[in-house]
Amino acid sequence: ATLESLYDVRDVIGTGAFSVVRLAVHKLTGQRCCVKIVDKLKYYQRGGARANPKQLLREIEVMRSVKHRSVIAVYDVYDTERFMYIVLEL
C-alpha cells in the first residue's frame, strides 16, 4: 500500500530545515494523525544522522519501539527515493 492510498494528507502544520509536517486522516478509520515528510537529499546534505541512510532508518526503528505516553507514536513509514514519510500520532 502507498501513503496516498491509506491517508488523506492535508494542510501543513509545521516546517523545518529538511522536513514538512502535514495533517493527515486515515481513509478507513478516520483517525487523525500527522505525516512528517523528510526530504532525504536536504537531510543528508546537511549531515543529518551523520549523512548515513542506515542511521536514519535506525532512528525511526528506535522511535517505533518506544511506547510511552510522553512520546509520540510512529504508526507507519513510507520510504521513496527522495522522501521519507513518517506517519505520527497527532
Protein backbone atom coordinates (compact mmCIF):
# COMPACT_ATOMS: atom_id res chain seq x y z
CA ALA A 1 0.00 0.00 0.00
CA THR A 2 1.06 3.59 -0.52
CA LEU A 3 0.72 6.62 1.73
CA GLU A 4 -1.79 8.17 -0.67
CA SER A 5 -3.95 5.04 -0.73
CA LEU A 6 -4.28 4.92 3.06
CA TYR A 7 -4.13 8.56 4.19
CA ASP A 8 -5.73 11.82 3.13
CA VAL A 9 -2.80 14.23 3.54
CA ARG A 10 -3.96 17.76 4.27
CA ASP A 11 -2.64 21.15 5.43
CA VAL A 12 0.89 21.95 6.53
CA ILE A 13 1.10 22.25 10.32
CA GLY A 14 4.86 22.68 10.66
CA THR A 15 8.12 23.07 8.76
CA GLY A 16 11.79 22.52 9.43
CA ALA A 17 15.14 22.67 7.68
CA PHE A 18 14.58 19.47 5.73
CA SER A 19 11.02 18.40 6.51
CA VAL A 20 7.38 19.43 6.42
CA VAL A 21 4.67 18.15 8.77
CA ARG A 22 1.16 17.83 7.38
CA LEU A 23 -2.14 16.91 8.98
CA ALA A 24 -3.49 13.58 7.74
CA VAL A 25 -6.55 11.37 8.18
CA HIS A 26 -6.61 7.59 7.78
CA LYS A 27 -9.10 6.91 4.99
CA LEU A 28 -10.61 3.77 6.53
CA THR A 29 -10.71 4.64 10.23
CA GLY A 30 -10.96 8.44 10.15
CA GLN A 31 -8.15 8.64 12.71
CA ARG A 32 -6.33 11.99 12.63
CA CYS A 33 -2.54 11.89 12.59
CA CYS A 34 0.32 13.79 11.01
CA VAL A 35 2.89 12.96 8.36
CA LYS A 36 6.45 14.18 8.64
CA ILE A 37 7.85 14.38 5.12
CA VAL A 38 11.64 14.30 5.22
CA ASP A 39 13.48 15.47 2.11
CA LYS A 40 16.33 12.95 2.22
CA LEU A 41 18.51 14.92 -0.19
CA LYS A 42 18.43 18.01 2.06
CA TYR A 43 18.76 15.84 5.18
CA TYR A 44 21.94 14.15 4.01
CA GLN A 45 23.40 17.35 2.54
CA ARG A 46 23.14 18.94 5.97
CA GLY A 47 24.79 15.96 7.65
CA GLY A 48 21.63 14.52 9.20
CA ALA A 49 22.24 11.26 11.07
CA ARG A 50 25.88 11.80 10.15
CA ALA A 51 24.80 11.57 6.47
CA ASN A 52 24.23 7.83 6.82
CA PRO A 53 20.98 6.45 5.31
CA LYS A 54 21.04 3.40 7.58
CA GLN A 55 21.26 5.67 10.63
CA LEU A 56 18.05 7.48 9.66
CA LEU A 57 16.22 4.14 9.39
CA ARG A 58 17.71 3.05 12.73
CA GLU A 59 16.47 6.22 14.43
CA ILE A 60 12.96 5.57 13.10
CA GLU A 61 13.07 1.97 14.37
CA VAL A 62 14.06 3.23 17.83
CA MET A 63 11.17 5.73 17.73
CA ARG A 64 8.79 2.90 16.78
CA SER A 65 9.95 0.73 19.66
CA VAL A 66 9.42 3.36 22.38
CA LYS A 67 5.99 3.13 23.97
CA HIS A 68 5.39 5.92 26.48
CA ARG A 69 2.57 8.42 26.97
CA SER A 70 5.03 11.33 26.65
CA VAL A 71 6.49 10.09 23.35
CA ILE A 72 4.66 10.48 20.03
CA ALA A 73 3.94 7.10 18.45
CA VAL A 74 5.13 6.20 14.95
CA TYR A 75 2.32 4.49 13.03
CA ASP A 76 3.84 3.91 9.60
CA VAL A 77 6.88 4.73 7.49
CA TYR A 78 6.95 5.02 3.70
CA ASP A 79 10.32 5.37 2.00
CA THR A 80 10.78 6.60 -1.57
CA GLU A 81 13.89 7.55 -3.46
CA ARG A 82 13.65 11.23 -2.46
CA PHE A 83 11.35 11.37 0.58
CA MET A 84 10.76 9.54 3.84
CA TYR A 85 7.15 9.77 5.04
CA ILE A 86 6.75 9.17 8.77
CA VAL A 87 3.15 8.82 9.96
CA LEU A 88 2.94 10.00 13.57
CA GLU A 89 0.44 10.30 16.37
CA LEU A 90 -1.14 13.74 16.43
